[in-house]
Protein backbone atom coordinates (compact mmCIF):
# COMPACT_ATOMS: atom_id res chain seq x y z
CA MET A 1 -52.80 -14.44 -60.63
CA GLN A 2 -53.20 -12.34 -63.97
CA SER A 3 -49.70 -11.61 -63.78
CA PHE A 4 -48.63 -15.34 -63.49
CA LEU A 5 -50.92 -16.31 -66.38
CA SER A 6 -49.64 -13.32 -68.14
CA ILE A 7 -46.22 -14.48 -68.13
CA LEU A 8 -47.34 -18.16 -69.66
CA SER A 9 -49.19 -15.98 -72.40
CA LEU A 10 -46.08 -14.30 -73.35
CA VAL A 11 -45.08 -17.79 -74.67
CA ARG A 12 -45.68 -17.75 -78.52
CA ASP A 13 -44.45 -21.19 -79.26
CA GLU A 14 -47.31 -23.47 -78.65
CA SER A 15 -45.15 -26.30 -77.98
CA LEU A 16 -43.16 -24.72 -75.46
CA LYS A 17 -46.20 -23.22 -73.89
CA LEU A 18 -47.90 -26.59 -73.89
CA LYS A 19 -44.94 -28.00 -71.86
CA LEU A 20 -44.53 -25.27 -69.79
CA ASN A 21 -48.42 -25.46 -68.46
CA THR A 22 -47.89 -29.28 -68.61
CA SER A 23 -44.85 -29.03 -66.23
CA VAL A 24 -46.67 -26.71 -63.60
CA LEU A 25 -49.75 -29.06 -63.25
CA GLU A 26 -47.23 -32.31 -63.13
CA CYS A 27 -45.82 -30.21 -60.33
CA ILE A 28 -49.02 -29.69 -58.63
CA THR A 29 -49.96 -33.24 -58.84
CA GLU A 30 -46.80 -34.95 -57.74
CA SER A 31 -45.59 -32.69 -55.07
CA GLY A 32 -48.75 -32.85 -52.90
CA ILE A 33 -49.32 -29.09 -52.52
CA LYS A 34 -52.68 -27.86 -51.96
CA LEU A 35 -54.30 -24.71 -53.98
CA ASP A 36 -56.19 -23.40 -50.65
CA SER A 37 -56.86 -19.69 -52.02
CA PRO A 38 -59.16 -18.53 -54.52
CA VAL A 39 -55.99 -16.89 -56.46
CA THR A 40 -54.06 -19.96 -56.46
CA VAL A 41 -57.09 -22.11 -57.46
CA GLN A 42 -57.74 -19.95 -60.00
CA ILE A 43 -54.20 -20.11 -61.42
CA GLY A 44 -54.69 -23.94 -61.50
CA LEU A 45 -58.08 -23.94 -63.11
CA GLY A 46 -56.49 -21.20 -65.99
CA ILE A 47 -53.61 -23.73 -66.78
CA ALA A 48 -55.89 -26.66 -66.62
CA LYS A 49 -58.22 -25.05 -69.11
CA TYR A 50 -55.14 -24.27 -71.51
CA LEU A 51 -54.37 -28.07 -71.51
CA GLY A 52 -57.87 -28.94 -71.82
CA SER A 53 -58.44 -26.93 -74.92
CA THR A 54 -55.68 -28.67 -76.68
CA VAL A 55 -57.78 -31.80 -76.64
CA ASN A 56 -60.55 -32.41 -79.67
CA ALA A 57 -62.01 -35.06 -81.40
CA LEU A 58 -59.06 -35.95 -83.33
CA THR A 59 -57.08 -36.43 -80.30
CA PRO A 60 -56.05 -40.26 -79.57
CA LEU A 61 -57.57 -41.57 -76.35
CA ASP A 62 -54.21 -41.97 -74.45
CA GLN A 63 -53.25 -38.27 -75.02
CA GLU A 64 -57.25 -37.33 -73.98
CA ARG A 65 -56.27 -39.34 -70.84
CA GLN A 66 -53.09 -37.92 -69.70
CA VAL A 67 -54.23 -34.53 -70.15
CA SER A 68 -57.52 -35.70 -68.15
CA GLU A 69 -55.46 -37.02 -65.19
CA LEU A 70 -53.10 -33.72 -64.79
CA ILE A 71 -56.43 -31.87 -64.92
CA LEU A 72 -57.76 -34.18 -62.32
CA GLY A 73 -54.46 -33.53 -60.36
CA SER A 74 -55.25 -29.82 -59.93
CA VAL A 75 -59.00 -30.47 -59.27
CA TYR A 76 -57.83 -32.88 -56.38
CA ALA A 77 -55.27 -29.82 -55.10
CA SER A 78 -58.09 -27.30 -54.84
CA LYS A 79 -59.51 -27.10 -51.64
CA LEU A 80 -61.36 -24.05 -50.83
CA ASP A 81 -62.50 -23.41 -47.06
CA ARG A 82 -66.24 -22.75 -47.71
CA VAL A 83 -68.36 -25.30 -49.47
CA GLU A 84 -70.42 -22.92 -51.28
CA GLN A 85 -66.62 -21.75 -52.83
CA GLN A 86 -65.99 -25.54 -53.35
CA VAL A 87 -68.98 -26.13 -55.43
CA GLN A 88 -68.76 -22.93 -57.17
CA TYR A 89 -65.41 -24.10 -58.42
CA LEU A 90 -66.53 -27.68 -59.31
CA THR A 91 -69.29 -26.16 -61.42
CA GLU A 92 -66.68 -24.15 -63.36
CA CYS A 93 -64.63 -27.16 -64.15
CA ARG A 94 -67.64 -29.08 -65.29
CA ALA A 95 -68.41 -26.28 -67.93
CA ALA A 96 -64.59 -25.95 -68.84
CA PHE A 97 -64.14 -29.46 -69.31
CA SER A 98 -67.47 -30.82 -70.74
CA HIS A 99 -65.35 -32.59 -73.86
CA LEU A 100 -63.48 -34.70 -71.11
CA ASP A 101 -65.22 -37.91 -69.71
CA LEU A 102 -62.91 -38.94 -67.31
CA VAL A 103 -62.77 -35.14 -65.94
CA HIS A 104 -66.54 -35.34 -65.69
CA VAL A 105 -66.86 -38.92 -63.90
CA ASN A 106 -64.33 -37.68 -61.30
CA LEU A 107 -65.75 -34.52 -60.72
CA VAL A 108 -69.31 -36.45 -59.76
CA ARG A 109 -66.80 -38.39 -57.17
CA GLU A 110 -65.87 -35.17 -56.03
CA ILE A 111 -69.03 -33.73 -55.31
CA ASN A 112 -70.55 -36.76 -53.76
CA ASN A 113 -67.20 -36.89 -51.24
CA LEU A 114 -67.81 -33.33 -50.35
CA SER A 115 -71.61 -33.96 -49.57
CA ALA A 116 -70.52 -36.96 -47.69
CA VAL A 117 -68.02 -35.09 -45.32
CA THR A 118 -70.23 -31.59 -45.16
CA PRO A 119 -72.44 -31.78 -42.03
CA SER A 120 -76.09 -32.09 -42.89
CA GLN A 121 -77.48 -28.88 -40.98
CA ASP A 122 -77.80 -27.08 -44.37
CA ARG A 123 -80.18 -29.44 -46.62
CA GLY A 124 -80.15 -27.08 -49.36
CA ILE A 125 -76.34 -27.21 -50.26
CA HIS A 126 -76.75 -31.12 -50.15
CA GLN A 127 -79.27 -30.79 -52.69
CA ALA A 128 -77.50 -28.50 -54.89
CA MET A 129 -74.55 -30.91 -54.52
CA THR A 130 -76.97 -33.79 -55.62
CA ALA A 131 -78.37 -31.84 -58.36
CA TYR A 132 -74.80 -31.31 -59.96
CA ALA A 133 -73.98 -35.16 -59.87
CA PHE A 134 -77.56 -35.72 -61.39
CA ILE A 135 -77.12 -33.20 -64.01
CA THR A 136 -73.58 -34.28 -64.82
CA ILE A 137 -74.07 -37.96 -64.97
CA PRO A 138 -76.12 -38.50 -68.27
CA SER A 139 -73.08 -36.82 -70.32
CA ILE A 140 -70.75 -39.90 -69.45
CA ARG A 141 -70.08 -42.07 -72.15
CA SER A 142 -70.03 -45.31 -70.33
CA PRO A 143 -73.58 -47.03 -69.11
CA GLN A 144 -71.82 -48.94 -66.70
CA THR A 145 -70.21 -45.83 -65.04
CA ARG A 146 -73.29 -43.71 -65.06
CA LEU A 147 -74.98 -46.68 -63.44
CA GLU A 148 -72.34 -46.76 -60.71
CA LEU A 149 -72.24 -43.15 -60.09
CA TYR A 150 -76.22 -42.76 -60.32
CA ILE A 151 -76.28 -45.47 -57.32
CA ARG A 152 -73.30 -43.81 -55.32
CA THR A 153 -75.22 -40.56 -55.79
CA ALA A 154 -78.50 -41.85 -54.53
CA GLU A 155 -76.57 -43.56 -51.44
CA THR A 156 -75.19 -40.05 -50.37
CA ALA A 157 -78.38 -38.06 -51.12
CA PHE A 158 -80.36 -40.57 -48.57
CA GLN A 159 -77.64 -40.15 -46.35
CA LYS A 160 -78.06 -36.60 -46.08
CA LYS A 161 -82.08 -36.78 -46.03
CA CYS A 162 -82.13 -35.49 -49.70
CA TYR A 163 -84.83 -37.99 -50.40
CA GLU A 164 -86.74 -36.77 -53.57
CA GLN A 165 -83.03 -36.37 -55.19
CA GLY A 166 -82.12 -40.03 -54.42
CA GLU A 167 -85.37 -41.21 -56.17
CA ALA A 168 -84.62 -39.39 -59.02
CA CYS A 169 -81.42 -40.89 -59.02
CA LEU A 170 -82.70 -44.34 -58.53
CA LYS A 171 -85.22 -43.44 -61.57
CA GLY A 172 -82.13 -42.36 -63.79
CA SER A 173 -80.29 -45.91 -62.90
CA THR A 174 -83.38 -47.60 -64.25
CA LEU A 175 -83.44 -45.78 -67.58
CA VAL A 176 -79.86 -46.69 -68.01
CA VAL A 177 -80.50 -50.01 -67.49
CA SER A 178 -83.42 -50.46 -69.98
CA ARG A 179 -81.11 -49.05 -72.51
CA LEU A 180 -78.17 -51.30 -72.03
CA PRO A 181 -76.95 -53.00 -75.32
CA GLU A 182 -77.17 -56.72 -75.69
CA LEU A 183 -74.75 -58.10 -72.87
CA GLU A 184 -71.84 -60.60 -73.10
CA LYS A 185 -71.06 -63.42 -70.85
CA GLU A 186 -68.09 -61.62 -69.22
CA ASP A 187 -70.49 -58.52 -68.34
CA GLY A 188 -71.90 -60.81 -65.93
CA GLY A 189 -69.41 -59.97 -62.95
CA TRP A 190 -69.91 -56.14 -62.75
CA PHE A 191 -73.66 -56.68 -63.46
CA SER A 192 -74.16 -58.65 -60.53
CA GLY A 193 -71.98 -56.37 -58.51
CA PHE A 194 -74.50 -53.39 -59.34
CA LEU A 195 -77.55 -55.32 -58.49
CA GLU A 196 -76.35 -55.82 -55.21
CA LEU A 197 -75.58 -52.28 -54.50
CA VAL A 198 -78.75 -50.75 -56.21
CA LEU A 199 -80.84 -53.33 -53.99
CA ARG A 200 -78.84 -52.59 -51.12
CA THR A 201 -79.17 -49.00 -51.46
CA VAL A 202 -82.76 -49.06 -51.79
CA SER A 203 -83.80 -51.39 -48.88
CA ALA A 204 -81.64 -49.44 -46.51
CA VAL A 205 -83.50 -46.06 -46.76
CA GLN A 206 -85.85 -46.57 -43.57
CA GLU A 207 -87.67 -43.31 -44.19
CA LEU A 208 -89.34 -44.33 -47.47
CA THR A 209 -92.72 -45.84 -47.13
CA ASP A 210 -93.30 -49.51 -47.74
CA GLU A 211 -95.35 -48.48 -50.98
CA LYS A 212 -92.57 -46.10 -52.21
CA LEU A 213 -89.86 -48.76 -51.36
CA LEU A 214 -91.93 -51.34 -53.55
CA GLN A 215 -92.70 -49.16 -56.30
CA ILE A 216 -88.81 -48.45 -56.85
CA THR A 217 -87.78 -51.91 -56.28
CA LYS A 218 -90.46 -53.01 -58.34
CA GLU A 219 -89.32 -50.80 -61.28
CA LEU A 220 -85.54 -51.38 -60.88
CA VAL A 221 -86.05 -55.40 -61.24
CA SER A 222 -88.60 -54.95 -63.82
CA ALA A 223 -85.69 -53.24 -65.96
CA LEU A 224 -82.94 -55.46 -64.46
CA PHE A 225 -85.21 -58.70 -65.70
CA ASN A 226 -85.39 -57.31 -69.09
CA VAL A 227 -81.99 -56.81 -69.92
CA LYS A 228 -80.85 -58.65 -73.27
CA TRP A 229 -77.98 -61.25 -73.14
CA LYS A 230 -76.19 -62.87 -75.79
CA ALA A 231 -75.81 -66.07 -73.52
CA PRO A 232 -79.12 -67.40 -72.15
CA LYS A 233 -77.93 -68.85 -69.35
CA GLU A 234 -76.38 -65.95 -68.27
CA LYS A 235 -79.55 -64.27 -68.25
CA ASN A 236 -80.94 -67.07 -65.92
CA LYS A 237 -78.04 -66.72 -63.33
CA VAL A 238 -78.52 -62.96 -63.26
CA GLN A 239 -82.32 -63.50 -62.70
CA LYS A 240 -81.32 -65.84 -59.84
CA ALA A 241 -78.92 -63.62 -58.37
CA ILE A 242 -81.52 -60.76 -57.98
CA LEU A 243 -84.04 -63.16 -56.17
CA ASN A 244 -81.14 -64.37 -53.70
CA ILE A 245 -79.88 -60.71 -53.37
CA LEU A 246 -83.85 -60.06 -52.38
CA GLN A 247 -84.27 -62.71 -50.31
CA ARG A 248 -81.05 -62.16 -48.03
CA LEU A 249 -82.06 -58.19 -47.93
CA GLU A 250 -85.19 -59.38 -46.45
CA GLU A 251 -84.10 -61.60 -43.83
CA LYS A 252 -81.49 -58.93 -42.92
CA LYS A 253 -84.91 -56.57 -42.64
CA ASN A 254 -86.59 -58.95 -40.55
CA ASP A 255 -83.57 -59.55 -38.30
CA ASP A 256 -83.19 -56.07 -37.78
CA ILE A 257 -86.80 -55.57 -36.87
CA LEU A 258 -86.26 -58.51 -34.08
């Protein structure tokens, strides 16, 4: 690994060095090869770190996205045998690319996917993966994306019986909702989709007591009802949608009992 990186470090011309590192990551992404040993994973991470270091506050957003997508190509290609090794690798990526929003968004998705496919026997590793997502989500720029990731993380946590961590994610989503800026009429589509997702996720957790379920739902619905809209009619539509979703979920719950 060191020899390979040393060859790249011999290149003094920064524009040529950038092209070479970019070409390597493009090759990894386009060829579909897997980096499945600690040595090759670290080579990919070293090259990705160099590309990440070329992005700063003055970098145009299009260029930042292009670099982020190349870095993510190496992340998706890196698959270590042991779950603990993979979590450690993703933790290194989070630290290395803290300034790249798109990378952080997809690292959370990666850790949730990893948790979903990992057997549930070791509850500790699932708690660690949920904690990874929970710690990472607040740094993400888009409130819409933060909401989606909180709920997806909660859903995965509940499936793996990490109930306290799942509840923490739901509370995190409530906080995001309470701080949403005034919404436009065109925001109605994604917001209604979020409503159904969050309320369906909460109601699906049979292990929660009725009191706990009522408390979580009450906090979420209260935050959702208080969201400010520039178009009052849209707010009425969303509030009606909340009631309709709750009614459907209650009917489904009763049908399941029968």
